[in-house]
Amino acid sequence: MSLAHAITQTIQAHGLRTTRVADRLYDIQNRSTFYRMLNGATKEPRLVTLVQLCIALETTPSELLELADVWSPNTPGRAGPDDLRLRHASAATSGTADGREAMGGAARRRAGYSLGR
């Protein structure tokens, strides 16, 4: 199942409307990304966008990504959403992230960190 289909199913399961979810995404850029994700144009959103979307959908990143068949807690060797958060936090303290110098928040946003590899 695609991420777009997983989002649509989650919206329906919670009895929400698409516009209500978009209203819960206060950042206009995240609203645009939300609609692009629904249309299938964006398949690898930034982590912060995914987290904000999950808050708006009243779900967790793990549940949404598992529903989309992007991640499963039982898949060996694949990092989960919590692993990404921990690696990101350790990069901020150690000064490197996967061989790259740690960047400030604005630089990370400009670099467009995403979930995809």
Protein backbone atom coordinates (compact mmCIF):
# COMPACT_ATOMS: atom_id res chain seq x y z
CA MET A 1 0.00 0.00 0.00
CA SER A 2 1.26 3.48 -0.75
CA LEU A 3 1.75 6.27 1.76
CA ALA A 4 -1.10 8.17 0.10
CA HIS A 5 -3.46 5.23 0.56
CA ALA A 6 -2.36 4.77 4.19
CA ILE A 7 -3.06 8.45 4.90
CA THR A 8 -6.48 8.22 3.24
CA GLN A 9 -7.35 5.09 5.23
CA THR A 10 -6.26 6.74 8.48
CA ILE A 11 -8.37 9.82 7.71
CA GLN A 12 -11.40 7.64 7.07
CA ALA A 13 -10.79 5.44 10.13
CA HIS A 14 -10.75 8.51 12.38
CA GLY A 15 -13.82 10.03 10.71
CA LEU A 16 -11.87 13.12 9.67
CA ARG A 17 -12.11 15.27 6.58
CA THR A 18 -9.10 16.10 4.44
CA THR A 19 -9.60 19.83 5.00
CA ARG A 20 -9.72 19.32 8.79
CA VAL A 21 -6.38 17.48 8.70
CA ALA A 22 -4.91 20.26 6.54
CA ASP A 23 -6.18 22.86 9.04
CA ARG A 24 -4.35 21.02 11.82
CA LEU A 25 -1.09 21.45 9.88
CA TYR A 26 -0.37 25.04 10.82
CA ASP A 27 2.64 25.45 8.53
CA ILE A 28 1.50 26.29 4.98
CA GLN A 29 4.43 24.33 3.54
CA ASN A 30 3.34 21.22 5.43
CA ARG A 31 -0.21 21.66 4.12
CA SER A 32 1.13 21.72 0.58
CA THR A 33 3.22 18.64 1.24
CA PHE A 34 0.17 16.93 2.76
CA TYR A 35 -1.84 17.42 -0.43
CA ARG A 36 1.14 16.30 -2.55
CA MET A 37 1.39 13.16 -0.39
CA LEU A 38 -2.32 12.47 -0.91
CA ASN A 39 -1.84 12.77 -4.67
CA GLY A 40 1.19 10.50 -4.60
CA ALA A 41 3.57 13.24 -5.77
CA THR A 42 5.52 13.21 -2.48
CA LYS A 43 6.52 9.76 -1.30
CA GLU A 44 9.34 10.65 1.11
CA PRO A 45 8.33 13.58 3.31
CA ARG A 46 10.71 15.21 5.75
CA LEU A 47 10.59 13.66 9.20
CA VAL A 48 9.20 16.82 10.81
CA THR A 49 6.38 16.90 8.24
CA LEU A 50 5.57 13.24 8.87
CA VAL A 51 5.47 13.79 12.63
CA GLN A 52 3.21 16.84 12.30
CA LEU A 53 0.95 14.90 9.94
CA CYS A 54 0.72 12.03 12.42
CA ILE A 55 -0.23 14.45 15.18
CA ALA A 56 -2.96 15.85 12.92
CA LEU A 57 -4.12 12.31 12.07
CA GLU A 58 -4.04 11.25 15.73
CA THR A 59 -1.70 8.35 14.96
CA THR A 60 1.99 7.54 15.30
CA PRO A 61 4.66 7.51 12.60
CA SER A 62 5.19 3.80 13.26
CA GLU A 63 1.52 3.00 12.69
CA LEU A 64 1.29 5.08 9.52
CA LEU A 65 4.53 3.75 8.02
CA GLU A 66 3.61 0.18 8.89
CA LEU A 67 0.20 0.62 7.24
CA ALA A 68 1.96 2.00 4.14
CA ASP A 69 4.29 -1.06 4.08
CA VAL A 70 7.26 1.29 4.35
CA TRP A 71 8.44 0.00 7.71
CA SER A 72 7.72 -2.94 9.97
CA PRO A 73 9.01 -3.49 13.50
CA ASN A 74 9.71 -7.12 12.56
CA THR A 75 11.93 -6.38 9.57
CA PRO A 76 15.55 -7.07 10.55
CA GLY A 77 18.12 -4.49 9.59
CA ARG A 78 15.67 -1.66 8.92
CA ALA A 79 15.68 1.44 11.07
CA GLY A 80 12.38 2.46 12.57
CA PRO A 81 11.13 6.00 13.24
CA ASP A 82 12.47 5.87 16.80
CA ASP A 83 15.90 4.78 15.53
CA LEU A 84 15.95 7.80 13.19
CA ARG A 85 15.18 10.11 16.11
CA LEU A 86 17.92 8.59 18.24
CA ARG A 87 20.51 8.75 15.46
CA HIS A 88 19.57 12.37 14.80
CA ALA A 89 19.93 13.24 18.50
CA SER A 90 23.30 11.53 18.77
CA ALA A 91 24.49 13.34 15.66
CA ALA A 92 23.72 16.67 17.30
CA THR A 93 25.91 15.79 20.25
CA SER A 94 28.70 13.96 18.42
CA GLY A 95 29.09 16.40 15.54
CA THR A 96 28.50 13.92 12.70
CA ALA A 97 25.55 12.19 11.08
CA ASP A 98 26.30 9.31 8.73
CA GLY A 99 29.69 10.84 7.90
CA ARG A 100 28.32 14.37 7.45
CA GLU A 101 28.96 17.32 9.70
CA ALA A 102 26.01 18.09 11.98
CA MET A 103 24.01 21.04 10.73
CA GLY A 104 21.85 23.54 12.54
CA GLY A 105 18.05 23.29 12.27
CA ALA A 106 17.72 25.81 9.43
CA ALA A 107 20.46 24.10 7.43
CA ARG A 108 18.78 20.71 7.90
CA ARG A 109 15.48 22.11 6.66
CA ARG A 110 17.18 23.60 3.59
CA ALA A 111 18.92 20.29 2.96
CA GLY A 112 15.50 18.63 2.94
CA TYR A 113 16.17 15.71 5.26
CA SER A 114 13.69 12.98 4.45
CA LEU A 115 12.83 9.46 5.55
CA GLY A 116 13.99 7.85 2.33
CA ARG A 117 17.43 6.54 1.79
